[in-house]
C-alpha atoms as a PDB file:
ATOM      1  CA  MET A   1       0.000   0.000   0.000  1.00  0.00           C
ATOM      2  CA  SER A   2       1.531   3.282  -1.084  1.00  0.00           C
ATOM      3  CA  VAL A   3       0.933   6.615   0.538  1.00  0.00           C
ATOM      4  CA  GLN A   4       0.619   9.544  -1.848  1.00  0.00           C
ATOM      5  CA  THR A   5       2.082  12.824  -0.739  1.00  0.00           C
ATOM      6  CA  GLU A   6       0.476  16.014  -1.889  1.00  0.00           C
ATOM      7  CA  ALA A   7       2.514  17.712  -4.607  1.00  0.00           C
ATOM      8  CA  LYS A   8       3.977  20.963  -3.408  1.00  0.00           C
ATOM      9  CA  GLU A   9       4.811  22.360  -6.802  1.00  0.00           C
ATOM     10  CA  GLN A  10       3.756  25.521  -8.518  1.00  0.00           C
ATOM     11  CA  LYS A  11       3.789  25.876 -12.299  1.00  0.00           C
ATOM     12  CA  VAL A  12       5.104  29.275 -13.409  1.00  0.00           C
ATOM     13  CA  VAL A  13       5.760  31.209 -16.594  1.00  0.00           C
ATOM     14  CA  VAL A  14       9.310  32.595 -16.577  1.00  0.00           C
ATOM     15  CA  PHE A  15      10.117  35.829 -18.400  1.00  0.00           C
ATOM     16  CA  SER A  16      12.996  38.295 -18.656  1.00  0.00           C
ATOM     17  CA  LEU A  17      13.023  41.951 -17.842  1.00  0.00           C
ATOM     18  CA  ASN A  18      16.249  43.944 -17.904  1.00  0.00           C
ATOM     19  CA  GLN A  19      18.337  40.727 -17.875  1.00  0.00           C
ATOM     20  CA  LYS A  20      16.634  39.400 -14.738  1.00  0.00           C
ATOM     21  CA  GLU A  21      14.235  36.469 -14.615  1.00  0.00           C
ATOM     22  CA  TYR A  22      10.767  36.777 -13.132  1.00  0.00           C
ATOM     23  CA  ALA A  23       7.948  34.280 -12.733  1.00  0.00           C
ATOM     24  CA  LEU A  24       4.161  34.408 -12.602  1.00  0.00           C
ATOM     25  CA  ASP A  25       1.824  31.624 -11.531  1.00  0.00           C
ATOM     26  CA  VAL A  26       0.640  29.957 -14.746  1.00  0.00           C
ATOM     27  CA  GLN A  27      -2.947  29.803 -13.487  1.00  0.00           C
ATOM     28  CA  HIS A  28      -3.248  33.547 -14.222  1.00  0.00           C
ATOM     29  CA  VAL A  29      -1.659  33.390 -17.691  1.00  0.00           C
ATOM     30  CA  VAL A  30      -4.139  33.293 -20.573  1.00  0.00           C
ATOM     31  CA  SER A  31      -1.651  33.452 -23.451  1.00  0.00           C
ATOM     32  CA  ILE A  32       1.710  34.787 -24.586  1.00  0.00           C
ATOM     33  CA  GLU A  33       1.541  36.972 -27.671  1.00  0.00           C
ATOM     34  CA  LYS A  34       4.108  38.547 -29.955  1.00  0.00           C
ATOM     35  CA  MET A  35       4.449  42.296 -29.612  1.00  0.00           C
ATOM     36  CA  GLN A  36       1.799  44.103 -31.617  1.00  0.00           C
ATOM     37  CA  HIS A  37       0.568  47.593 -32.294  1.00  0.00           C
ATOM     38  CA  PHE A  38      -1.376  49.154 -29.441  1.00  0.00           C
ATOM     39  CA  THR A  39      -3.609  52.208 -29.350  1.00  0.00           C
ATOM     40  CA  ARG A  40      -2.531  54.848 -26.874  1.00  0.00           C
ATOM     41  CA  VAL A  41      -5.052  56.028 -24.298  1.00  0.00           C
ATOM     42  CA  PRO A  42      -4.894  59.592 -22.924  1.00  0.00           C
ATOM     43  CA  HIS A  43      -4.726  60.480 -19.219  1.00  0.00           C
ATOM     44  CA  VAL A  44      -3.432  57.152 -17.893  1.00  0.00           C
ATOM     45  CA  PRO A  45      -0.233  56.430 -15.919  1.00  0.00           C
ATOM     46  CA  ASP A  46       2.882  56.201 -18.129  1.00  0.00           C
ATOM     47  CA  TYR A  47       3.257  52.441 -17.586  1.00  0.00           C
ATOM     48  CA  ILE A  48      -0.121  51.823 -19.257  1.00  0.00           C
ATOM     49  CA  LYS A  49       0.970  51.912 -22.882  1.00  0.00           C
ATOM     50  CA  GLY A  50      -2.501  51.609 -24.378  1.00  0.00           C
ATOM     51  CA  VAL A  51      -4.919  48.892 -25.456  1.00  0.00           C
ATOM     52  CA  ILE A  52      -4.966  46.095 -28.009  1.00  0.00           C
ATOM     53  CA  ASN A  53      -7.836  44.258 -29.635  1.00  0.00           C
ATOM     54  CA  LEU A  54      -7.043  40.580 -29.122  1.00  0.00           C
ATOM     55  CA  ARG A  55      -9.581  38.273 -30.723  1.00  0.00           C
ATOM     56  CA  GLY A  56     -12.366  40.812 -30.164  1.00  0.00           C
ATOM     57  CA  VAL A  57     -11.425  41.657 -26.564  1.00  0.00           C
ATOM     58  CA  ILE A  58     -10.001  45.085 -25.696  1.00  0.00           C
ATOM     59  CA  ILE A  59      -7.054  44.539 -23.338  1.00  0.00           C
ATOM     60  CA  PRO A  60      -5.046  47.243 -21.535  1.00  0.00           C
ATOM     61  CA  ILE A  61      -1.282  46.887 -21.956  1.00  0.00           C
ATOM     62  CA  ILE A  62       1.229  47.545 -19.152  1.00  0.00           C
ATOM     63  CA  ASP A  63       4.961  47.898 -19.782  1.00  0.00           C
ATOM     64  CA  LEU A  64       6.550  46.115 -16.808  1.00  0.00           C
ATOM     65  CA  ARG A  65       9.846  47.970 -17.288  1.00  0.00           C
ATOM     66  CA  THR A  66       8.022  51.252 -16.744  1.00  0.00           C
ATOM     67  CA  ARG A  67       5.827  49.795 -13.979  1.00  0.00           C
ATOM     68  CA  PHE A  68       8.926  48.662 -12.070  1.00  0.00           C
ATOM     69  CA  GLN A  69      10.782  51.915 -12.851  1.00  0.00           C
ATOM     70  CA  VAL A  70      13.494  50.074 -14.782  1.00  0.00           C
ATOM     71  CA  GLU A  71      15.391  51.579 -17.696  1.00  0.00           C
ATOM     72  CA  THR A  72      13.284  51.477 -20.868  1.00  0.00           C
ATOM     73  CA  ALA A  73      14.346  49.492 -23.924  1.00  0.00           C
ATOM     74  CA  GLU A  74      13.255  49.301 -27.540  1.00  0.00           C
ATOM     75  CA  TYR A  75      10.771  46.568 -28.337  1.00  0.00           C
ATOM     76  CA  ASN A  76      12.230  43.869 -30.607  1.00  0.00           C
ATOM     77  CA  GLN A  77      11.406  40.454 -32.097  1.00  0.00           C
ATOM     78  CA  ASN A  78      11.783  38.826 -28.641  1.00  0.00           C
ATOM     79  CA  THR A  79       9.410  41.231 -26.880  1.00  0.00           C
ATOM     80  CA  ARG A  80       6.245  39.501 -25.718  1.00  0.00           C
ATOM     81  CA  ILE A  81       2.901  40.446 -24.225  1.00  0.00           C
ATOM     82  CA  ILE A  82       1.837  38.055 -21.480  1.00  0.00           C
ATOM     83  CA  ILE A  83      -1.956  38.164 -21.247  1.00  0.00           C
ATOM     84  CA  VAL A  84      -2.978  37.596 -17.627  1.00  0.00           C
ATOM     85  CA  SER A  85      -6.378  37.295 -15.999  1.00  0.00           C
ATOM     86  CA  MET A  86      -7.317  38.135 -12.445  1.00  0.00           C
ATOM     87  CA  ALA A  87     -10.691  38.957 -10.922  1.00  0.00           C
ATOM     88  CA  ASP A  88     -12.374  38.761 -14.346  1.00  0.00           C
ATOM     89  CA  LYS A  89      -9.979  41.325 -15.841  1.00  0.00           C
ATOM     90  CA  GLU A  90      -7.522  40.624 -18.630  1.00  0.00           C
ATOM     91  CA  VAL A  91      -4.370  42.715 -18.892  1.00  0.00           C
ATOM     92  CA  GLY A  92      -1.307  42.428 -21.133  1.00  0.00           C
ATOM     93  CA  LEU A  93       2.169  42.712 -19.614  1.00  0.00           C
ATOM     94  CA  ILE A  94       4.991  43.743 -21.946  1.00  0.00           C
ATOM     95  CA  VAL A  95       8.173  41.803 -21.130  1.00  0.00           C
ATOM     96  CA  ASP A  96      11.571  41.521 -22.839  1.00  0.00           C
ATOM     97  CA  GLU A  97      11.227  37.809 -23.474  1.00  0.00           C
ATOM     98  CA  ALA A  98       9.067  34.870 -22.348  1.00  0.00           C
ATOM     99  CA  ASN A  99      11.556  32.130 -21.531  1.00  0.00           C
ATOM    100  CA  ASP A 100      10.018  29.064 -19.993  1.00  0.00           C
ATOM    101  CA  VAL A 101       7.189  27.268 -18.255  1.00  0.00           C
ATOM    102  CA  MET A 102       8.428  25.246 -15.315  1.00  0.00           C
ATOM    103  CA  ASN A 103       7.441  23.607 -12.068  1.00  0.00           C
ATOM    104  CA  ILE A 104       9.020  24.932  -8.918  1.00  0.00           C
ATOM    105  CA  ASP A 105       9.057  23.193  -5.581  1.00  0.00           C
ATOM    106  CA  MET A 106       7.161  25.357  -3.082  1.00  0.00           C
ATOM    107  CA  ASP A 107       9.748  24.463  -0.421  1.00  0.00           C
ATOM    108  CA  THR A 108      12.485  26.218  -2.449  1.00  0.00           C
ATOM    109  CA  ILE A 109      10.728  29.594  -2.385  1.00  0.00           C
ATOM    110  CA  GLU A 110      12.582  31.990  -0.104  1.00  0.00           C
ATOM    111  CA  SER A 111      11.098  35.206   1.203  1.00  0.00           C
ATOM    112  CA  GLN A 112      12.229  38.377  -0.489  1.00  0.00           C
ATOM    113  CA  PRO A 113      15.469  39.936   0.718  1.00  0.00           C
ATOM    114  CA  ASP A 114      15.020  43.012   2.914  1.00  0.00           C
ATOM    115  CA  VAL A 115      17.359  45.036   0.690  1.00  0.00           C
ATOM    116  CA  ILE A 116      14.853  45.255  -2.142  1.00  0.00           C
ATOM    117  CA  GLY A 117      12.939  48.126  -0.531  1.00  0.00           C
ATOM    118  CA  THR A 118      10.685  50.575  -2.385  1.00  0.00           C
ATOM    119  CA  GLU A 119       7.149  49.939  -3.612  1.00  0.00           C
ATOM    120  CA  ARG A 120       8.324  47.077  -5.840  1.00  0.00           C
ATOM    121  CA  GLN A 121       8.867  45.031  -2.703  1.00  0.00           C
ATOM    122  CA  ASN A 122       5.087  44.639  -2.452  1.00  0.00           C
ATOM    123  CA  CYS A 123       5.046  42.987  -5.901  1.00  0.00           C
ATOM    124  CA  ILE A 124       7.473  40.231  -4.932  1.00  0.00           C
ATOM    125  CA  ALA A 125       6.168  36.978  -3.473  1.00  0.00           C
ATOM    126  CA  GLY A 126       9.597  35.384  -3.083  1.00  0.00           C
ATOM    127  CA  VAL A 127      12.790  34.245  -4.731  1.00  0.00           C
ATOM    128  CA  VAL A 128      13.658  30.803  -6.087  1.00  0.00           C
ATOM    129  CA  LYS A 129      17.136  29.446  -6.842  1.00  0.00           C
ATOM    130  CA  ILE A 130      17.147  26.734  -9.498  1.00  0.00           C
ATOM    131  CA  GLN A 131      20.647  25.555 -10.417  1.00  0.00           C
ATOM    132  CA  ASP A 132      22.379  28.721 -11.672  1.00  0.00           C
ATOM    133  CA  ARG A 133      19.139  30.690 -12.109  1.00  0.00           C
ATOM    134  CA  LEU A 134      17.484  33.112  -9.730  1.00  0.00           C
ATOM    135  CA  LEU A 135      13.747  33.645 -10.298  1.00  0.00           C
ATOM    136  CA  ILE A 136      11.795  36.473  -8.719  1.00  0.00           C
ATOM    137  CA  LEU A 137       8.196  35.372  -8.087  1.00  0.00           C
ATOM    138  CA  LEU A 138       5.725  38.195  -8.583  1.00  0.00           C
ATOM    139  CA  LYS A 139       2.364  38.902  -6.939  1.00  0.00           C
ATOM    140  CA  LEU A 140       0.072  39.649  -9.851  1.00  0.00           C
ATOM    141  CA  GLU A 141      -2.556  41.275  -7.648  1.00  0.00           C
ATOM    142  CA  LYS A 142      -0.009  43.930  -6.569  1.00  0.00           C
ATOM    143  CA  ILE A 143       1.170  44.591 -10.144  1.00  0.00           C
ATOM    144  CA  LEU A 144      -2.428  45.170 -11.203  1.00  0.00           C
ATOM    145  CA  ASN A 145      -3.359  47.292  -8.167  1.00  0.00           C
ATOM    146  CA  PHE A 146      -3.314  50.779  -9.640  1.00  0.00           C
ATOM    147  CA  GLN A 147      -4.861  52.517  -6.628  1.00  0.00           C
ATOM    148  CA  GLU A 148      -1.534  52.417  -4.771  1.00  0.00           C
ATOM    149  CA  ASP A 149       0.181  54.627  -7.353  1.00  0.00           C
END
Protein backbone atom coordinates (compact mmCIF):
# COMPACT_ATOMS: atom_id res chain seq x y z
CA MET A 1 0.00 0.00 0.00
CA SER A 2 1.53 3.28 -1.08
CA VAL A 3 0.93 6.61 0.54
CA GLN A 4 0.62 9.54 -1.85
CA THR A 5 2.08 12.82 -0.74
CA GLU A 6 0.48 16.01 -1.89
CA ALA A 7 2.51 17.71 -4.61
CA LYS A 8 3.98 20.96 -3.41
CA GLU A 9 4.81 22.36 -6.80
CA GLN A 10 3.76 25.52 -8.52
CA LYS A 11 3.79 25.88 -12.30
CA VAL A 12 5.10 29.27 -13.41
CA VAL A 13 5.76 31.21 -16.59
CA VAL A 14 9.31 32.60 -16.58
CA PHE A 15 10.12 35.83 -18.40
CA SER A 16 13.00 38.30 -18.66
CA LEU A 17 13.02 41.95 -17.84
CA ASN A 18 16.25 43.94 -17.90
CA GLN A 19 18.34 40.73 -17.88
CA LYS A 20 16.63 39.40 -14.74
CA GLU A 21 14.23 36.47 -14.62
CA TYR A 22 10.77 36.78 -13.13
CA ALA A 23 7.95 34.28 -12.73
CA LEU A 24 4.16 34.41 -12.60
CA ASP A 25 1.82 31.62 -11.53
CA VAL A 26 0.64 29.96 -14.75
CA GLN A 27 -2.95 29.80 -13.49
CA HIS A 28 -3.25 33.55 -14.22
CA VAL A 29 -1.66 33.39 -17.69
CA VAL A 30 -4.14 33.29 -20.57
CA SER A 31 -1.65 33.45 -23.45
CA ILE A 32 1.71 34.79 -24.59
CA GLU A 33 1.54 36.97 -27.67
CA LYS A 34 4.11 38.55 -29.95
CA MET A 35 4.45 42.30 -29.61
CA GLN A 36 1.80 44.10 -31.62
CA HIS A 37 0.57 47.59 -32.29
CA PHE A 38 -1.38 49.15 -29.44
CA THR A 39 -3.61 52.21 -29.35
CA ARG A 40 -2.53 54.85 -26.87
CA VAL A 41 -5.05 56.03 -24.30
CA PRO A 42 -4.89 59.59 -22.92
CA HIS A 43 -4.73 60.48 -19.22
CA VAL A 44 -3.43 57.15 -17.89
CA PRO A 45 -0.23 56.43 -15.92
CA ASP A 46 2.88 56.20 -18.13
CA TYR A 47 3.26 52.44 -17.59
CA ILE A 48 -0.12 51.82 -19.26
CA LYS A 49 0.97 51.91 -22.88
CA GLY A 50 -2.50 51.61 -24.38
CA VAL A 51 -4.92 48.89 -25.46
CA ILE A 52 -4.97 46.10 -28.01
CA ASN A 53 -7.84 44.26 -29.64
CA LEU A 54 -7.04 40.58 -29.12
CA ARG A 55 -9.58 38.27 -30.72
CA GLY A 56 -12.37 40.81 -30.16
CA VAL A 57 -11.42 41.66 -26.56
CA ILE A 58 -10.00 45.08 -25.70
CA ILE A 59 -7.05 44.54 -23.34
CA PRO A 60 -5.05 47.24 -21.54
CA ILE A 61 -1.28 46.89 -21.96
CA ILE A 62 1.23 47.55 -19.15
CA ASP A 63 4.96 47.90 -19.78
CA LEU A 64 6.55 46.11 -16.81
CA ARG A 65 9.85 47.97 -17.29
CA THR A 66 8.02 51.25 -16.74
CA ARG A 67 5.83 49.80 -13.98
CA PHE A 68 8.93 48.66 -12.07
CA GLN A 69 10.78 51.91 -12.85
CA VAL A 70 13.49 50.07 -14.78
CA GLU A 71 15.39 51.58 -17.70
CA THR A 72 13.28 51.48 -20.87
CA ALA A 73 14.35 49.49 -23.92
CA GLU A 74 13.26 49.30 -27.54
CA TYR A 75 10.77 46.57 -28.34
CA ASN A 76 12.23 43.87 -30.61
CA GLN A 77 11.41 40.45 -32.10
CA ASN A 78 11.78 38.83 -28.64
CA THR A 79 9.41 41.23 -26.88
CA ARG A 80 6.24 39.50 -25.72
CA ILE A 81 2.90 40.45 -24.23
CA ILE A 82 1.84 38.05 -21.48
CA ILE A 83 -1.96 38.16 -21.25
CA VAL A 84 -2.98 37.60 -17.63
CA SER A 85 -6.38 37.30 -16.00
CA MET A 86 -7.32 38.13 -12.44
CA ALA A 87 -10.69 38.96 -10.92
CA ASP A 88 -12.37 38.76 -14.35
CA LYS A 89 -9.98 41.33 -15.84
CA GLU A 90 -7.52 40.62 -18.63
CA VAL A 91 -4.37 42.72 -18.89
CA GLY A 92 -1.31 42.43 -21.13
CA LEU A 93 2.17 42.71 -19.61
CA ILE A 94 4.99 43.74 -21.95
CA VAL A 95 8.17 41.80 -21.13
CA ASP A 96 11.57 41.52 -22.84
CA GLU A 97 11.23 37.81 -23.47
CA ALA A 98 9.07 34.87 -22.35
CA ASN A 99 11.56 32.13 -21.53
CA ASP A 100 10.02 29.06 -19.99
CA VAL A 101 7.19 27.27 -18.26
CA MET A 102 8.43 25.25 -15.32
CA ASN A 103 7.44 23.61 -12.07
CA ILE A 104 9.02 24.93 -8.92
CA ASP A 105 9.06 23.19 -5.58
CA MET A 106 7.16 25.36 -3.08
CA ASP A 107 9.75 24.46 -0.42
CA THR A 108 12.48 26.22 -2.45
CA ILE A 109 10.73 29.59 -2.38
CA GLU A 110 12.58 31.99 -0.10
CA SER A 111 11.10 35.21 1.20
CA GLN A 112 12.23 38.38 -0.49
CA PRO A 113 15.47 39.94 0.72
CA ASP A 114 15.02 43.01 2.91
CA VAL A 115 17.36 45.04 0.69
CA ILE A 116 14.85 45.25 -2.14
CA GLY A 117 12.94 48.13 -0.53
CA THR A 118 10.68 50.58 -2.38
CA GLU A 119 7.15 49.94 -3.61
CA ARG A 120 8.32 47.08 -5.84
CA GLN A 121 8.87 45.03 -2.70
CA ASN A 122 5.09 44.64 -2.45
CA CYS A 123 5.05 42.99 -5.90
CA ILE A 124 7.47 40.23 -4.93
CA ALA A 125 6.17 36.98 -3.47
CA GLY A 126 9.60 35.38 -3.08
CA VAL A 127 12.79 34.24 -4.73
CA VAL A 128 13.66 30.80 -6.09
CA LYS A 129 17.14 29.45 -6.84
CA ILE A 130 17.15 26.73 -9.50
CA GLN A 131 20.65 25.55 -10.42
CA ASP A 132 22.38 28.72 -11.67
CA ARG A 133 19.14 30.69 -12.11
CA LEU A 134 17.48 33.11 -9.73
CA LEU A 135 13.75 33.64 -10.30
CA ILE A 136 11.80 36.47 -8.72
CA LEU A 137 8.20 35.37 -8.09
CA LEU A 138 5.72 38.19 -8.58
CA LYS A 139 2.36 38.90 -6.94
CA LEU A 140 0.07 39.65 -9.85
CA GLU A 141 -2.56 41.27 -7.65
CA LYS A 142 -0.01 43.93 -6.57
CA ILE A 143 1.17 44.59 -10.14
CA LEU A 144 -2.43 45.17 -11.20
CA ASN A 145 -3.36 47.29 -8.17
CA PHE A 146 -3.31 50.78 -9.64
CA GLN A 147 -4.86 52.52 -6.63
CA GLU A 148 -1.53 52.42 -4.77
CA ASP A 149 0.18 54.63 -7.35
